[in-house]
Amino acid sequence: MEIISWLAGLGSLVPIIAAVLLIFFLRQRKGQELDIPPLDLVDAKKLDDMVAKQVEEYLKPLLQNKGYNEEQIKEILTRTSLGGKPFRR
């Protein structure tokens, strides 16, 4: 008899447990959707090169219109890393 009364008492907890588990599952899933995977170094390099090319394509005609010569433009578009060597954009 004790088992039957215990199961009857457990029956009222099942919907509560199910609701808690459902909320936990949905929050976990929503959190996973919001995660942005980190860029690996190859992707970061590709992105950096793409942005550098677009900046050069935009700035070069503007600098030419302002009267800068090719050598000055090359110097302006050369990036320098902190503590590193200058490199071409």
N, C-alpha and C. Protein backbone atom coordinates (compact mmCIF):
# COMPACT_ATOMS: atom_id res chain seq x y z
N MET A 1 0.81 -1.19 0.00
CA MET A 1 0.00 0.00 0.00
C MET A 1 0.85 1.25 0.00
N GLU A 2 1.96 1.19 0.69
CA GLU A 2 2.82 2.36 0.74
C GLU A 2 3.35 2.74 -0.64
N ILE A 3 3.63 1.75 -1.46
CA ILE A 3 4.15 2.00 -2.80
C ILE A 3 3.10 2.72 -3.64
N ILE A 4 1.86 2.31 -3.52
CA ILE A 4 0.78 2.93 -4.29
C ILE A 4 0.59 4.39 -3.87
N SER A 5 0.62 4.65 -2.58
CA SER A 5 0.47 6.03 -2.12
C SER A 5 1.69 6.87 -2.52
N TRP A 6 2.86 6.25 -2.52
CA TRP A 6 4.07 6.96 -2.94
C TRP A 6 3.99 7.32 -4.43
N LEU A 7 3.52 6.36 -5.27
CA LEU A 7 3.36 6.61 -6.70
C LEU A 7 2.30 7.68 -6.96
N ALA A 8 1.25 7.70 -6.16
CA ALA A 8 0.21 8.72 -6.30
C ALA A 8 0.77 10.09 -5.98
N GLY A 9 1.59 10.18 -4.96
CA GLY A 9 2.23 11.46 -4.60
C GLY A 9 3.23 11.89 -5.67
N LEU A 10 3.90 10.93 -6.25
CA LEU A 10 4.86 11.21 -7.32
C LEU A 10 4.16 11.72 -8.57
N GLY A 11 2.94 11.26 -8.79
CA GLY A 11 2.17 11.68 -9.96
C GLY A 11 1.93 13.17 -9.99
N SER A 12 1.80 13.81 -8.85
CA SER A 12 1.58 15.25 -8.82
C SER A 12 2.88 16.02 -9.08
N LEU A 13 4.02 15.38 -8.88
CA LEU A 13 5.31 16.03 -9.12
C LEU A 13 5.77 15.92 -10.57
N VAL A 14 5.25 14.97 -11.31
CA VAL A 14 5.70 14.73 -12.69
C VAL A 14 5.50 15.97 -13.57
N PRO A 15 4.34 16.63 -13.55
CA PRO A 15 4.20 17.82 -14.40
C PRO A 15 5.17 18.94 -14.02
N ILE A 16 5.43 19.06 -12.72
CA ILE A 16 6.36 20.10 -12.26
C ILE A 16 7.77 19.79 -12.74
N ILE A 17 8.19 18.53 -12.59
CA ILE A 17 9.52 18.12 -13.04
C ILE A 17 9.64 18.28 -14.56
N ALA A 18 8.60 17.91 -15.28
CA ALA A 18 8.61 18.04 -16.74
C ALA A 18 8.73 19.51 -17.15
N ALA A 19 8.02 20.39 -16.47
CA ALA A 19 8.08 21.82 -16.78
C ALA A 19 9.47 22.39 -16.52
N VAL A 20 10.07 22.00 -15.41
CA VAL A 20 11.43 22.46 -15.08
C VAL A 20 12.42 21.97 -16.13
N LEU A 21 12.34 20.72 -16.51
CA LEU A 21 13.24 20.17 -17.52
C LEU A 21 13.04 20.84 -18.88
N LEU A 22 11.80 21.12 -19.24
CA LEU A 22 11.51 21.79 -20.50
C LEU A 22 12.10 23.19 -20.52
N ILE A 23 11.92 23.93 -19.43
CA ILE A 23 12.50 25.28 -19.34
C ILE A 23 14.02 25.22 -19.42
N PHE A 24 14.62 24.29 -18.71
CA PHE A 24 16.08 24.13 -18.75
C PHE A 24 16.55 23.82 -20.15
N PHE A 25 15.87 22.90 -20.83
CA PHE A 25 16.25 22.51 -22.19
C PHE A 25 16.14 23.70 -23.14
N LEU A 26 15.05 24.45 -23.06
CA LEU A 26 14.85 25.59 -23.96
C LEU A 26 15.88 26.68 -23.71
N ARG A 27 16.22 26.92 -22.46
CA ARG A 27 17.25 27.94 -22.17
C ARG A 27 18.60 27.52 -22.70
N GLN A 28 18.94 26.25 -22.56
CA GLN A 28 20.21 25.74 -23.09
C GLN A 28 20.25 25.90 -24.60
N ARG A 29 19.17 25.54 -25.25
CA ARG A 29 19.12 25.62 -26.71
C ARG A 29 19.21 27.06 -27.19
N LYS A 30 18.52 27.97 -26.53
CA LYS A 30 18.55 29.38 -26.89
C LYS A 30 19.96 29.93 -26.69
N GLY A 31 20.62 29.52 -25.62
CA GLY A 31 22.00 29.95 -25.37
C GLY A 31 22.94 29.47 -26.45
N GLN A 32 22.73 28.27 -26.95
CA GLN A 32 23.59 27.75 -28.01
C GLN A 32 23.40 28.51 -29.30
N GLU A 33 22.19 28.97 -29.58
CA GLU A 33 21.92 29.73 -30.80
C GLU A 33 22.62 31.08 -30.78
N LEU A 34 22.80 31.64 -29.59
CA LEU A 34 23.40 32.97 -29.48
C LEU A 34 24.92 32.93 -29.49
N ASP A 35 25.50 31.77 -29.29
CA ASP A 35 26.96 31.67 -29.30
C ASP A 35 27.50 31.94 -30.68
N ILE A 36 28.55 32.77 -30.75
CA ILE A 36 29.22 33.05 -32.01
C ILE A 36 30.54 32.30 -31.97
N PRO A 37 30.74 31.40 -32.90
CA PRO A 37 32.00 30.64 -32.87
C PRO A 37 33.18 31.56 -33.13
N PRO A 38 34.30 31.33 -32.48
CA PRO A 38 35.46 32.19 -32.68
C PRO A 38 36.06 31.97 -34.06
N LEU A 39 36.61 33.04 -34.61
CA LEU A 39 37.30 32.92 -35.89
C LEU A 39 38.63 32.23 -35.65
N ASP A 40 38.95 31.30 -36.52
CA ASP A 40 40.29 30.75 -36.40
C ASP A 40 41.24 31.70 -37.13
N LEU A 41 42.51 31.44 -37.03
CA LEU A 41 43.50 32.36 -37.58
C LEU A 41 43.40 32.51 -39.09
N VAL A 42 43.05 31.44 -39.78
CA VAL A 42 42.93 31.51 -41.23
C VAL A 42 41.79 32.43 -41.62
N ASP A 43 40.64 32.30 -40.96
CA ASP A 43 39.51 33.16 -41.24
C ASP A 43 39.83 34.61 -40.89
N ALA A 44 40.51 34.82 -39.79
CA ALA A 44 40.87 36.18 -39.38
C ALA A 44 41.81 36.81 -40.41
N LYS A 45 42.74 36.05 -40.93
CA LYS A 45 43.67 36.56 -41.94
C LYS A 45 42.92 36.91 -43.22
N LYS A 46 41.99 36.04 -43.63
CA LYS A 46 41.20 36.31 -44.83
C LYS A 46 40.37 37.59 -44.65
N LEU A 47 39.77 37.73 -43.49
CA LEU A 47 38.96 38.91 -43.20
C LEU A 47 39.83 40.17 -43.20
N ASP A 48 40.99 40.08 -42.59
CA ASP A 48 41.92 41.21 -42.54
C ASP A 48 42.36 41.61 -43.95
N ASP A 49 42.69 40.64 -44.78
CA ASP A 49 43.10 40.93 -46.15
C ASP A 49 41.97 41.54 -46.96
N MET A 50 40.76 41.05 -46.77
CA MET A 50 39.61 41.57 -47.49
C MET A 50 39.34 43.04 -47.12
N VAL A 51 39.40 43.34 -45.83
CA VAL A 51 39.17 44.71 -45.37
C VAL A 51 40.29 45.62 -45.85
N ALA A 52 41.53 45.16 -45.79
CA ALA A 52 42.66 45.97 -46.25
C ALA A 52 42.53 46.30 -47.74
N LYS A 53 42.09 45.33 -48.53
CA LYS A 53 41.92 45.56 -49.97
C LYS A 53 40.82 46.59 -50.22
N GLN A 54 39.70 46.47 -49.49
CA GLN A 54 38.61 47.42 -49.66
C GLN A 54 39.01 48.83 -49.24
N VAL A 55 39.78 48.94 -48.16
CA VAL A 55 40.26 50.25 -47.70
C VAL A 55 41.17 50.87 -48.76
N GLU A 56 42.07 50.05 -49.31
CA GLU A 56 42.98 50.56 -50.34
C GLU A 56 42.22 50.99 -51.58
N GLU A 57 41.25 50.19 -52.01
CA GLU A 57 40.46 50.54 -53.19
C GLU A 57 39.69 51.84 -52.99
N TYR A 58 39.29 52.11 -51.77
CA TYR A 58 38.53 53.32 -51.48
C TYR A 58 39.44 54.54 -51.32
N LEU A 59 40.55 54.36 -50.58
CA LEU A 59 41.42 55.49 -50.26
C LEU A 59 42.33 55.93 -51.40
N LYS A 60 42.79 54.98 -52.21
CA LYS A 60 43.77 55.31 -53.25
C LYS A 60 43.26 56.40 -54.20
N PRO A 61 42.04 56.29 -54.77
CA PRO A 61 41.57 57.37 -55.64
C PRO A 61 41.40 58.70 -54.91
N LEU A 62 40.99 58.65 -53.65
CA LEU A 62 40.84 59.88 -52.88
C LEU A 62 42.19 60.57 -52.68
N LEU A 63 43.19 59.78 -52.36
CA LEU A 63 44.53 60.34 -52.15
C LEU A 63 45.11 60.88 -53.46
N GLN A 64 44.86 60.17 -54.56
CA GLN A 64 45.33 60.66 -55.86
C GLN A 64 44.67 61.99 -56.21
N ASN A 65 43.38 62.12 -55.92
CA ASN A 65 42.68 63.38 -56.19
C ASN A 65 43.19 64.52 -55.33
N LYS A 66 43.72 64.21 -54.16
CA LYS A 66 44.27 65.23 -53.26
C LYS A 66 45.70 65.61 -53.64
N GLY A 67 46.27 64.94 -54.65
CA GLY A 67 47.60 65.31 -55.14
C GLY A 67 48.75 64.50 -54.58
N TYR A 68 48.50 63.42 -53.88
CA TYR A 68 49.58 62.58 -53.38
C TYR A 68 50.13 61.75 -54.53
N ASN A 69 51.47 61.56 -54.54
CA ASN A 69 52.07 60.72 -55.58
C ASN A 69 52.05 59.26 -55.13
N GLU A 70 52.44 58.36 -56.01
CA GLU A 70 52.36 56.91 -55.74
C GLU A 70 53.19 56.50 -54.52
N GLU A 71 54.37 57.10 -54.37
CA GLU A 71 55.23 56.76 -53.24
C GLU A 71 54.58 57.17 -51.91
N GLN A 72 53.98 58.35 -51.89
CA GLN A 72 53.30 58.81 -50.67
C GLN A 72 52.08 57.93 -50.36
N ILE A 73 51.34 57.57 -51.39
CA ILE A 73 50.18 56.70 -51.19
C ILE A 73 50.61 55.34 -50.65
N LYS A 74 51.70 54.81 -51.20
CA LYS A 74 52.21 53.53 -50.73
C LYS A 74 52.59 53.61 -49.25
N GLU A 75 53.22 54.72 -48.87
CA GLU A 75 53.63 54.90 -47.48
C GLU A 75 52.40 55.04 -46.56
N ILE A 76 51.39 55.76 -47.02
CA ILE A 76 50.18 55.94 -46.22
C ILE A 76 49.46 54.61 -46.02
N LEU A 77 49.41 53.78 -47.05
CA LEU A 77 48.68 52.52 -46.98
C LEU A 77 49.50 51.37 -46.37
N THR A 78 50.72 51.65 -45.94
CA THR A 78 51.54 50.63 -45.29
C THR A 78 51.19 50.59 -43.81
N ARG A 79 50.83 49.40 -43.33
CA ARG A 79 50.47 49.23 -41.92
C ARG A 79 51.70 48.81 -41.14
N THR A 80 51.73 49.20 -39.89
CA THR A 80 52.81 48.80 -39.00
C THR A 80 52.19 48.17 -37.76
N SER A 81 52.59 46.94 -37.46
CA SER A 81 52.09 46.30 -36.26
C SER A 81 52.90 46.78 -35.06
N LEU A 82 52.33 46.63 -33.88
CA LEU A 82 53.04 47.02 -32.68
C LEU A 82 54.30 46.17 -32.51
N GLY A 83 55.43 46.78 -32.55
CA GLY A 83 56.67 46.06 -32.36
C GLY A 83 57.07 45.19 -33.53
N GLY A 84 56.38 45.32 -34.64
CA GLY A 84 56.70 44.48 -35.80
C GLY A 84 57.16 45.31 -36.98
N LYS A 85 57.34 44.63 -38.07
CA LYS A 85 57.79 45.27 -39.31
C LYS A 85 56.60 45.86 -40.04
N PRO A 86 56.83 46.94 -40.79
CA PRO A 86 55.74 47.45 -41.61
C PRO A 86 55.40 46.45 -42.72
N PHE A 87 54.14 46.38 -43.09
CA PHE A 87 53.74 45.50 -44.19
C PHE A 87 52.70 46.20 -45.02
N ARG A 88 52.64 45.81 -46.25
CA ARG A 88 51.77 46.46 -47.24
C ARG A 88 50.33 46.06 -46.99
N ARG A 89 49.44 47.00 -47.08
CA ARG A 89 48.00 46.77 -46.95
C ARG A 89 47.49 45.92 -48.05
